[in-house]
Amino acid sequence: MDYRYLFGPVPSRRLGKSLGVDLVPHKTCTLNCIYCECGRTTHLTLKKDVYISIDQIKKELADFLSHDPKLDFITFSGGGEPTLNSGLGEIVHYLKSEYPKYKVALLTNGTLLHLSEIRKQVLDVDLIIASLDAASKKNFDEINRPHPGLNLSKIIEGLITFKEDFRHLFWVEIFLVPGVNDHEDELSKLKQVLDLIHPDSVHLNTLDRPGAESWVVPAEKKSLAKIAKYLHHADMIRAHPVEQKDHLCEGGLYERLLSTIRRRPCTGEDISQILGVQLHDVIDRLDALKKDGAIKKIVMPRGVFYTIRG
């Protein structure tokens, strides 16, 4: 079966072997973050809708899970904001009732958790990781470039309320952009907000692969460590390699490779791990695709990343 809305399993830094599920079209989001590895948002919206057929997603999940794969999580993420799909709750219920052995995770920007109907849809999710990059409107606007209908105070209130009702793991992720949200005043405000939310864990992230805006750079390790200590010993996200060779990764290597980097920029090593293919085979194909003009290279501190030429 060809999967349009499933991707991976991929080696996740925090989730181990994670099967990704796309619930909205690429770059359909409530934010247009300057650091987003998936690129700039092309459909900035607050409209909740069945963007992708729930029945089709169920069909793909049923086919993939019929092979009894070893997974750490089934994760709603992808190239947009999953909570925009009004059928999210139905998919969560389907997985928890039909495939209870698998844990379910949700990666969200948290902007819609102030809505009671959204909170109800995700109460049975095993792990939710919500983003909160700023506690001041100025930095929220600069980093996240939100839909005009969003209000930061409401978003924060939503995170606080949700954590009070949620009985599973709830983590908050902060993406640090040097020169924007890594100064004392902003960090102090973030710390106050975190004290109100009471997340089970706080994770610091910074640029690892090319972001939406070329001027965004990674935070230095020393700076990350200092800020992590200040924010109640927050965790710094690190790579988590996972052995790969899965049913989803069968088929033509060129097609699988292009599909992978179409979602987000990757190094040759990333692709090798994700697809379960020898690195030299990956590099050979990448060189051929670059020669044909289909992809381009971007040099980052972690290595050379490949992305679709656009």
Protein backbone atom coordinates (compact mmCIF):
# COMPACT_ATOMS: atom_id res chain seq x y z
CA MET A 1 0.00 0.00 0.00
CA ASP A 2 1.25 3.49 -0.82
CA TYR A 3 1.11 5.72 2.25
CA ARG A 4 0.23 9.35 1.71
CA TYR A 5 -0.28 10.39 5.31
CA LEU A 6 2.12 8.17 7.26
CA PHE A 7 5.87 8.71 7.37
CA GLY A 8 8.71 6.78 8.96
CA PRO A 9 9.11 5.22 11.36
CA VAL A 10 11.73 7.90 12.00
CA PRO A 11 14.39 8.06 14.73
CA SER A 12 13.06 10.76 17.04
CA ARG A 13 15.24 12.60 19.50
CA ARG A 14 12.73 12.12 22.30
CA LEU A 15 10.23 9.55 21.10
CA GLY A 16 12.47 6.73 19.94
CA LYS A 17 11.04 4.92 16.93
CA SER A 18 8.10 7.08 15.93
CA LEU A 19 5.53 6.57 13.16
CA GLY A 20 4.45 9.99 11.96
CA VAL A 21 0.89 10.84 10.94
CA ASP A 22 0.03 13.89 8.84
CA LEU A 23 -3.37 15.38 9.68
CA VAL A 24 -3.19 18.57 7.62
CA PRO A 25 -1.68 19.53 4.25
CA HIS A 26 1.94 20.66 4.28
CA LYS A 27 2.43 24.05 6.00
CA THR A 28 -1.18 24.52 7.07
CA CYS A 29 -0.68 26.13 10.45
CA THR A 30 -1.74 28.76 12.97
CA LEU A 31 1.83 30.10 13.12
CA ASN A 32 4.57 30.98 10.65
CA CYS A 33 7.63 30.40 12.84
CA ILE A 34 10.94 31.84 11.72
CA TYR A 35 12.77 28.63 12.66
CA CYS A 36 10.39 26.03 11.21
CA GLU A 37 12.34 23.24 9.52
CA CYS A 38 9.37 22.58 7.22
CA GLY A 39 9.62 26.06 5.70
CA ARG A 40 7.32 29.07 5.74
CA THR A 41 3.60 28.61 6.31
CA THR A 42 1.63 28.79 3.08
CA HIS A 43 -1.84 28.49 4.66
CA LEU A 44 -2.04 30.55 7.86
CA THR A 45 -5.41 29.74 9.41
CA LEU A 46 -7.46 29.13 12.55
CA LYS A 47 -10.14 27.20 10.69
CA LYS A 48 -10.74 23.69 12.05
CA ASP A 49 -11.75 21.29 9.31
CA VAL A 50 -11.30 17.72 8.06
CA TYR A 51 -8.31 18.69 5.96
CA ILE A 52 -7.41 15.06 5.32
CA SER A 53 -9.90 12.18 5.16
CA ILE A 54 -10.17 10.45 8.54
CA ASP A 55 -11.26 7.23 6.84
CA GLN A 56 -8.18 7.28 4.62
CA ILE A 57 -5.88 7.83 7.61
CA LYS A 58 -7.57 4.92 9.42
CA LYS A 59 -7.12 2.73 6.34
CA GLU A 60 -3.41 3.51 6.15
CA LEU A 61 -2.91 2.95 9.88
CA ALA A 62 -4.76 -0.37 9.75
CA ASP A 63 -2.58 -1.57 6.89
CA PHE A 64 0.68 -0.48 8.48
CA LEU A 65 -0.15 -1.77 11.97
CA SER A 66 -1.30 -5.13 10.58
CA HIS A 67 2.40 -5.96 10.28
CA ASP A 68 2.78 -5.59 14.07
CA PRO A 69 5.70 -3.14 13.84
CA LYS A 70 7.82 -2.28 16.85
CA LEU A 71 7.11 1.36 17.64
CA ASP A 72 7.70 3.59 20.63
CA PHE A 73 5.03 6.08 19.56
CA ILE A 74 2.51 6.89 16.87
CA THR A 75 2.92 10.64 16.57
CA PHE A 76 0.65 13.34 15.18
CA SER A 77 3.07 15.89 13.77
CA GLY A 78 4.08 16.47 10.15
CA GLY A 79 4.34 19.75 8.31
CA GLY A 80 1.47 21.66 9.94
CA GLU A 81 -0.60 22.02 13.13
CA PRO A 82 -2.41 18.69 13.85
CA THR A 83 -5.10 20.21 16.09
CA LEU A 84 -6.53 22.05 13.07
CA ASN A 85 -7.99 18.74 11.86
CA SER A 86 -11.45 18.48 13.42
CA GLY A 87 -11.22 14.68 13.21
CA LEU A 88 -8.22 14.45 15.54
CA GLY A 89 -10.30 13.11 18.42
CA GLU A 90 -11.77 10.38 16.22
CA ILE A 91 -8.31 9.19 15.19
CA VAL A 92 -7.10 9.20 18.81
CA HIS A 93 -10.12 7.12 19.86
CA TYR A 94 -9.56 4.73 16.94
CA LEU A 95 -5.95 4.08 17.92
CA LYS A 96 -6.62 3.71 21.64
CA SER A 97 -9.54 1.33 21.09
CA GLU A 98 -8.24 -0.75 18.16
CA TYR A 99 -4.49 -0.69 18.89
CA PRO A 100 -4.11 -0.14 22.66
CA LYS A 101 -0.56 -1.57 22.69
CA TYR A 102 0.74 1.54 20.95
CA LYS A 103 1.40 4.84 22.69
CA VAL A 104 0.16 7.99 21.00
CA ALA A 105 1.97 11.34 21.00
CA LEU A 106 0.96 14.80 19.80
CA LEU A 107 3.40 17.53 18.78
CA THR A 108 1.51 20.82 18.84
CA ASN A 109 2.24 24.51 18.92
CA GLY A 110 -0.38 24.73 21.68
CA THR A 111 -2.21 27.68 20.15
CA LEU A 112 -5.63 25.99 20.16
CA LEU A 113 -5.57 24.33 23.58
CA HIS A 114 -7.55 27.24 25.02
CA LEU A 115 -10.55 25.78 23.15
CA SER A 116 -12.47 23.23 25.23
CA GLU A 117 -13.39 21.10 22.19
CA ILE A 118 -9.71 20.71 21.30
CA ARG A 119 -8.76 19.79 24.87
CA LYS A 120 -11.44 17.09 24.97
CA GLN A 121 -10.18 15.55 21.72
CA VAL A 122 -6.69 14.90 23.08
CA LEU A 123 -7.30 13.84 26.69
CA ASP A 124 -6.46 10.21 25.88
CA VAL A 125 -3.13 10.98 24.18
CA ASP A 126 -0.21 9.44 26.10
CA LEU A 127 2.23 12.30 25.57
CA ILE A 128 1.70 15.87 24.44
CA ILE A 129 4.61 18.17 23.61
CA ALA A 130 3.46 21.78 23.31
CA SER A 131 5.60 24.69 22.16
CA LEU A 132 5.94 27.98 24.01
CA ASP A 133 8.78 30.12 22.67
CA ALA A 134 7.92 33.44 24.29
CA ALA A 135 5.95 34.90 27.18
CA SER A 136 5.91 38.44 25.79
CA LYS A 137 3.83 39.56 22.84
CA LYS A 138 6.78 41.27 21.16
CA ASN A 139 8.89 38.12 21.00
CA PHE A 140 5.88 35.90 20.28
CA ASP A 141 5.11 38.03 17.23
CA GLU A 142 8.74 38.06 16.07
CA ILE A 143 9.44 34.34 16.51
CA ASN A 144 6.09 32.72 15.79
CA ARG A 145 4.43 35.25 13.45
CA PRO A 146 0.94 34.14 14.53
CA HIS A 147 -2.41 34.32 12.80
CA PRO A 148 -3.92 37.74 13.65
CA GLY A 149 -6.74 36.04 15.55
CA LEU A 150 -4.43 34.50 18.15
CA ASN A 151 -3.87 35.99 21.59
CA LEU A 152 -0.80 35.00 23.62
CA SER A 153 -2.54 35.41 26.98
CA LYS A 154 -5.30 33.04 25.88
CA ILE A 155 -2.74 30.54 24.62
CA ILE A 156 -0.94 30.54 27.97
CA GLU A 157 -4.23 30.24 29.86
CA GLY A 158 -5.09 27.29 27.63
CA LEU A 159 -1.83 25.52 28.50
CA ILE A 160 -2.43 26.07 32.22
CA THR A 161 -6.02 24.83 32.05
CA PHE A 162 -5.14 21.81 29.95
CA LYS A 163 -2.37 20.68 32.27
CA GLU A 164 -4.81 20.80 35.20
CA ASP A 165 -7.15 18.36 33.44
CA PHE A 166 -4.60 16.17 31.63
CA ARG A 167 -3.64 12.89 33.32
CA HIS A 168 -0.80 11.83 31.06
CA LEU A 169 2.63 13.27 30.20
CA PHE A 170 2.72 16.93 29.22
CA TRP A 171 5.98 18.52 28.11
CA VAL A 172 6.70 22.09 27.05
CA GLU A 173 9.31 22.82 24.39
CA ILE A 174 11.03 26.19 24.08
CA PHE A 175 12.87 26.98 20.86
CA LEU A 176 15.71 29.40 21.56
CA VAL A 177 16.59 31.97 18.92
CA PRO A 178 19.79 33.85 19.84
CA GLY A 179 19.21 37.57 20.15
CA VAL A 180 15.43 37.22 20.40
CA ASN A 181 14.22 35.09 23.33
CA ASP A 182 17.45 34.17 25.10
CA HIS A 183 17.84 37.36 27.15
CA GLU A 184 17.21 37.70 30.88
CA ASP A 185 13.90 39.57 30.69
CA GLU A 186 12.22 37.05 28.36
CA LEU A 187 13.61 34.04 30.21
CA SER A 188 12.32 35.43 33.50
CA LYS A 189 8.83 35.78 32.02
CA LEU A 190 8.99 32.28 30.58
CA LYS A 191 10.04 30.90 33.94
CA GLN A 192 7.05 32.54 35.62
CA VAL A 193 4.69 31.06 33.03
CA LEU A 194 6.24 27.60 33.38
CA ASP A 195 5.67 27.81 37.13
CA LEU A 196 1.97 28.31 36.38
CA ILE A 197 1.73 25.53 33.80
CA HIS A 198 3.60 22.89 35.84
CA PRO A 199 4.68 20.76 32.86
CA ASP A 200 6.12 17.31 33.56
CA SER A 201 9.25 18.32 31.65
CA VAL A 202 10.70 21.35 29.88
CA HIS A 203 12.80 20.88 26.75
CA LEU A 204 15.10 23.42 25.13
CA ASN A 205 15.54 23.28 21.39
CA THR A 206 17.55 25.33 18.93
CA LEU A 207 18.27 25.31 15.22
CA ASP A 208 19.53 21.91 14.06
CA ARG A 209 18.64 22.00 10.36
CA PRO A 210 17.79 24.88 7.98
CA GLY A 211 14.86 26.97 9.20
CA ALA A 212 12.29 29.13 7.45
CA GLU A 213 14.49 32.24 7.71
CA SER A 214 18.18 32.09 6.86
CA TRP A 215 19.24 34.56 9.57
CA VAL A 216 18.20 32.23 12.40
CA VAL A 217 21.25 30.53 13.91
CA PRO A 218 21.71 27.86 16.60
CA ALA A 219 22.27 28.80 20.23
CA GLU A 220 25.69 27.91 21.63
CA LYS A 221 25.94 24.84 23.87
CA LYS A 222 27.18 26.87 26.84
CA SER A 223 24.26 29.24 26.51
CA LEU A 224 21.80 26.34 26.27
CA ALA A 225 23.26 24.70 29.37
CA LYS A 226 23.05 27.94 31.36
CA ILE A 227 19.45 28.58 30.33
CA ALA A 228 18.50 24.95 30.99
CA LYS A 229 19.75 25.26 34.55
CA TYR A 230 17.88 28.54 35.03
CA LEU A 231 14.62 27.02 33.79
CA HIS A 232 14.42 24.37 36.51
CA HIS A 233 17.03 22.11 34.91
CA ALA A 234 15.29 21.82 31.56
CA ASP A 235 16.45 19.12 29.17
CA MET A 236 18.40 19.95 26.02
CA ILE A 237 17.14 17.97 23.05
CA ARG A 238 19.70 15.57 21.64
CA ALA A 239 19.67 13.16 18.72
CA HIS A 240 18.39 9.65 19.41
CA PRO A 241 19.53 7.19 16.72
CA VAL A 242 17.24 4.23 16.11
CA GLU A 243 17.89 1.06 14.15
CA GLN A 244 15.89 1.21 10.95
CA LYS A 245 14.42 -1.21 8.44
CA ASP A 246 10.66 -1.15 8.28
CA HIS A 247 7.78 -2.13 6.06
CA LEU A 248 7.02 1.50 5.26
CA CYS A 249 10.52 1.93 3.85
CA GLU A 250 10.18 -0.48 0.92
CA GLY A 251 10.10 0.68 -2.69
CA GLY A 252 12.25 2.83 -4.97
CA LEU A 253 15.07 4.57 -3.15
CA TYR A 254 14.84 7.77 -5.21
CA GLU A 255 11.14 8.15 -4.44
CA ARG A 256 11.61 7.44 -0.74
CA LEU A 257 14.56 9.80 -0.52
CA LEU A 258 12.70 12.67 -2.18
CA SER A 259 9.64 12.06 -0.02
CA THR A 260 11.80 12.28 3.10
CA ILE A 261 13.54 15.57 2.31
CA ARG A 262 10.34 17.07 0.94
CA ARG A 263 9.07 17.09 4.54
CA ARG A 264 12.17 18.69 6.06
CA PRO A 265 15.89 19.14 5.28
CA CYS A 266 18.04 16.12 6.20
CA THR A 267 21.70 15.12 6.23
CA GLY A 268 22.85 11.99 4.46
CA GLU A 269 23.22 10.35 7.88
CA ASP A 270 19.63 11.31 8.79
CA ILE A 271 18.31 9.74 5.60
CA SER A 272 20.41 6.61 6.08
CA GLN A 273 18.91 6.08 9.55
CA ILE A 274 15.35 6.88 8.49
CA LEU A 275 15.34 4.66 5.41
CA GLY A 276 17.58 1.88 6.70
CA VAL A 277 19.92 2.25 3.71
CA GLN A 278 23.73 2.27 3.64
CA LEU A 279 25.13 5.80 3.78
CA HIS A 280 27.20 5.43 0.60
CA ASP A 281 24.05 4.44 -1.34
CA VAL A 282 22.24 7.50 0.01
CA ILE A 283 25.10 9.84 -0.89
CA ASP A 284 25.28 8.42 -4.43
CA ARG A 285 21.57 9.15 -4.98
CA LEU A 286 21.81 12.59 -3.38
CA ASP A 287 24.71 13.52 -5.66
CA ALA A 288 22.71 12.40 -8.70
CA LEU A 289 19.64 14.36 -7.62
CA LYS A 290 21.75 17.46 -6.99
CA LYS A 291 23.35 17.13 -10.42
CA ASP A 292 19.86 16.93 -11.96
CA GLY A 293 18.88 20.13 -10.12
CA ALA A 294 16.15 18.46 -8.04
CA ILE A 295 17.74 19.23 -4.66
CA LYS A 296 20.28 21.61 -3.14
CA LYS A 297 22.79 21.52 -0.29
CA ILE A 298 22.84 23.79 2.78
CA VAL A 299 25.82 23.74 5.15
CA MET A 300 24.91 23.87 8.86
CA PRO A 301 26.94 23.31 12.07
CA ARG A 302 25.69 19.70 12.27
CA GLY A 303 26.64 18.95 8.69
CA VAL A 304 25.45 19.23 5.09
CA PHE A 305 21.67 19.22 4.70
CA TYR A 306 19.75 18.41 1.54
CA THR A 307 16.45 20.05 0.66
CA ILE A 308 14.15 20.32 -2.33
CA ARG A 309 15.16 23.07 -4.73
CA GLY A 310 12.35 25.60 -4.86
